Protein backbone atom coordinates (compact mmCIF):
# COMPACT_ATOMS: atom_id res chain seq x y z
CA MET A 1 -48.74 89.07 59.77
CA ALA A 2 -46.01 91.49 59.36
CA ARG A 3 -42.50 90.42 59.99
CA LYS A 4 -40.25 92.35 62.29
CA PRO A 5 -36.88 93.27 60.90
CA GLN A 6 -34.30 91.01 62.55
CA GLU A 7 -31.24 92.42 64.17
CA GLN A 8 -27.82 91.55 62.86
CA PRO A 9 -26.44 88.59 64.85
CA GLN A 10 -23.17 89.32 66.66
CA LEU A 11 -20.46 86.88 67.64
CA ASP A 12 -19.60 86.77 71.34
CA MET A 13 -15.77 87.05 71.67
CA THR A 14 -15.54 86.19 75.38
CA PRO A 15 -15.20 82.38 74.96
CA MET A 16 -12.61 82.85 72.22
CA ILE A 17 -10.51 85.15 74.44
CA ASP A 18 -10.77 82.61 77.28
CA VAL A 19 -9.48 79.84 75.01
CA VAL A 20 -6.58 82.01 73.82
CA PHE A 21 -5.56 82.79 77.41
CA GLU A 22 -5.76 79.10 78.35
CA LEU A 23 -3.49 78.24 75.41
CA ILE A 24 -1.00 80.92 76.44
CA ILE A 25 -0.94 79.59 80.00
CA PHE A 26 -0.53 76.02 78.72
CA PHE A 27 2.46 76.94 76.52
CA VAL A 28 4.13 79.01 79.24
CA VAL A 29 3.82 76.18 81.76
CA THR A 30 4.94 73.40 79.41
CA ILE A 31 7.87 75.18 77.75
CA LYS A 32 11.20 73.61 78.56
CA GLN A 33 13.71 76.05 79.99
CA GLU A 34 17.15 76.00 78.42
CA ASP A 35 19.71 74.60 80.82
CA LEU A 36 22.49 77.15 81.19
CA PHE A 37 25.02 74.64 82.56
CA THR A 38 24.90 72.49 79.43
CA ARG A 39 26.07 75.45 77.36
CA LEU A 40 29.06 76.43 79.51
CA ASN A 41 32.33 76.11 77.66
CA ALA A 42 34.67 74.22 79.97
CA ASN A 43 38.06 72.84 79.02
CA ARG A 44 38.39 69.42 80.52
CA PRO A 45 41.66 67.49 80.60
CA ALA A 46 41.88 64.66 78.11
CA PRO A 47 41.84 61.16 79.57
CA SER A 48 45.25 59.58 79.92
CA THR A 49 46.05 56.73 77.55
CA GLY A 50 48.13 54.74 79.99
CA SER A 51 48.60 54.63 83.70
CA SER A 52 52.07 54.90 85.08
CA SER A 53 53.57 55.92 88.37
CA SER A 54 55.22 58.96 86.78
CA ASP A 55 51.78 60.52 86.11
CA SER A 56 51.05 60.81 89.81
CA ASP A 57 54.44 62.44 90.39
CA THR A 58 53.74 65.21 87.86
CA THR A 59 50.36 66.18 89.30
CA VAL A 60 50.42 69.50 91.11
CA THR A 61 48.20 69.87 94.18
CA ILE A 62 47.27 73.28 95.55
CA GLU A 63 45.23 73.49 98.75
CA ILE A 64 43.41 76.67 99.72
CA GLY A 65 42.39 77.18 103.32
CA LYS A 66 41.23 79.92 105.61
CA GLY A 67 44.09 82.02 106.88
CA ARG A 68 44.60 84.71 109.45
CA ASP A 69 43.81 87.40 106.90
CA ALA A 70 41.24 87.60 104.09
CA ASN A 71 43.68 86.23 101.49
CA GLY A 72 43.69 82.64 102.74
CA VAL A 73 46.50 80.10 102.96
CA LEU A 74 48.00 78.47 99.85
CA VAL A 75 49.68 75.07 100.18
CA TYR A 76 51.61 73.93 97.10
CA ASN A 77 52.48 70.21 97.17
CA LYS A 78 52.26 70.16 100.99
CA ARG A 79 54.32 73.32 101.41
CA GLU A 80 52.78 76.65 102.44
CA MET A 81 53.75 79.57 100.24
CA ARG A 82 52.81 83.04 99.07
CA ARG A 83 51.27 83.93 95.73
CA LYS A 84 54.57 85.11 94.21
CA GLU A 85 56.27 81.84 95.13
CA LEU A 86 53.32 79.91 93.71
CA ASP A 87 53.59 81.90 90.50
CA GLN A 88 57.29 81.07 90.21
CA ASN A 89 56.70 77.36 90.86
CA LEU A 90 53.86 77.16 88.35
CA ARG A 91 56.02 78.98 85.81
CA GLU A 92 58.61 76.21 86.19
CA VAL A 93 55.89 73.57 85.83
CA SER A 94 54.63 75.32 82.71
CA ARG A 95 58.10 75.28 81.17
CA THR A 96 58.31 71.50 81.49
CA SER A 97 54.76 70.68 80.36
CA LYS A 98 51.72 72.84 79.69
CA LYS A 99 49.46 69.79 80.09
CA THR A 100 50.40 69.12 83.70
CA PRO A 101 47.20 68.49 85.69
CA ILE A 102 46.59 70.99 88.48
CA ILE A 103 44.33 69.93 91.35
CA ILE A 104 42.97 72.73 93.50
CA ARG A 105 41.39 71.70 96.81
CA CYS A 106 39.39 74.29 98.73
CA THR A 107 38.03 74.06 102.24
CA GLU A 108 34.49 75.18 103.03
CA ASP A 109 35.65 78.37 104.67
CA SER A 110 38.37 79.30 102.17
CA PRO A 111 38.02 82.79 100.67
CA HIS A 112 36.89 83.02 97.07
CA LYS A 113 39.58 85.58 96.37
CA ALA A 114 42.27 82.97 96.98
CA LEU A 115 40.67 80.59 94.47
CA VAL A 116 40.39 83.35 91.88
CA ASP A 117 44.04 84.29 92.48
CA VAL A 118 45.19 80.69 91.97
CA LEU A 119 43.10 80.36 88.80
CA ASP A 120 44.60 83.62 87.50
CA ILE A 121 48.12 82.36 88.18
CA CYS A 122 47.35 79.11 86.34
CA TYR A 123 45.90 81.03 83.41
CA ARG A 124 48.88 83.40 83.25
CA ASN A 125 51.23 80.42 83.09
CA GLU A 126 49.06 78.74 80.40
CA LEU A 127 48.13 75.79 82.60
CA PHE A 128 44.59 74.87 81.60
CA SER A 129 44.18 71.30 82.94
CA VAL A 130 42.72 72.49 86.21
CA SER A 131 40.35 70.56 88.50
CA ILE A 132 38.69 72.12 91.54
CA PHE A 133 37.52 70.08 94.54
CA THR A 134 36.14 70.92 97.95
CA MET A 135 37.19 69.25 101.18
């Protein structure tokens, strides 16, 4: 009997491509996304070493509320004032101590522009111990 010449065997690539795509899908699904908020550089005020009644007297409170116009209402230590007056008062606070804690309280409907203005005034006067709360 005469033998027939055999064809060259070929490797089927389809299963290998399927496995590669399954691995790609597995790695894409299981990769851990980097949390952006853990990398934000935020200056936080240092904890106080002792508690005294004078600490509460030196805290500055600024409340931001919705006003008649788009600029909002600024209340500095329970007294309503304009941005220029706030700038002058915070300049005086900055002269006495740059580490004075500033607490900014915003209402739900307060304009963002007012908050940005207050933060700019604090930054200009080199007051960096700022906390922001919502009411």
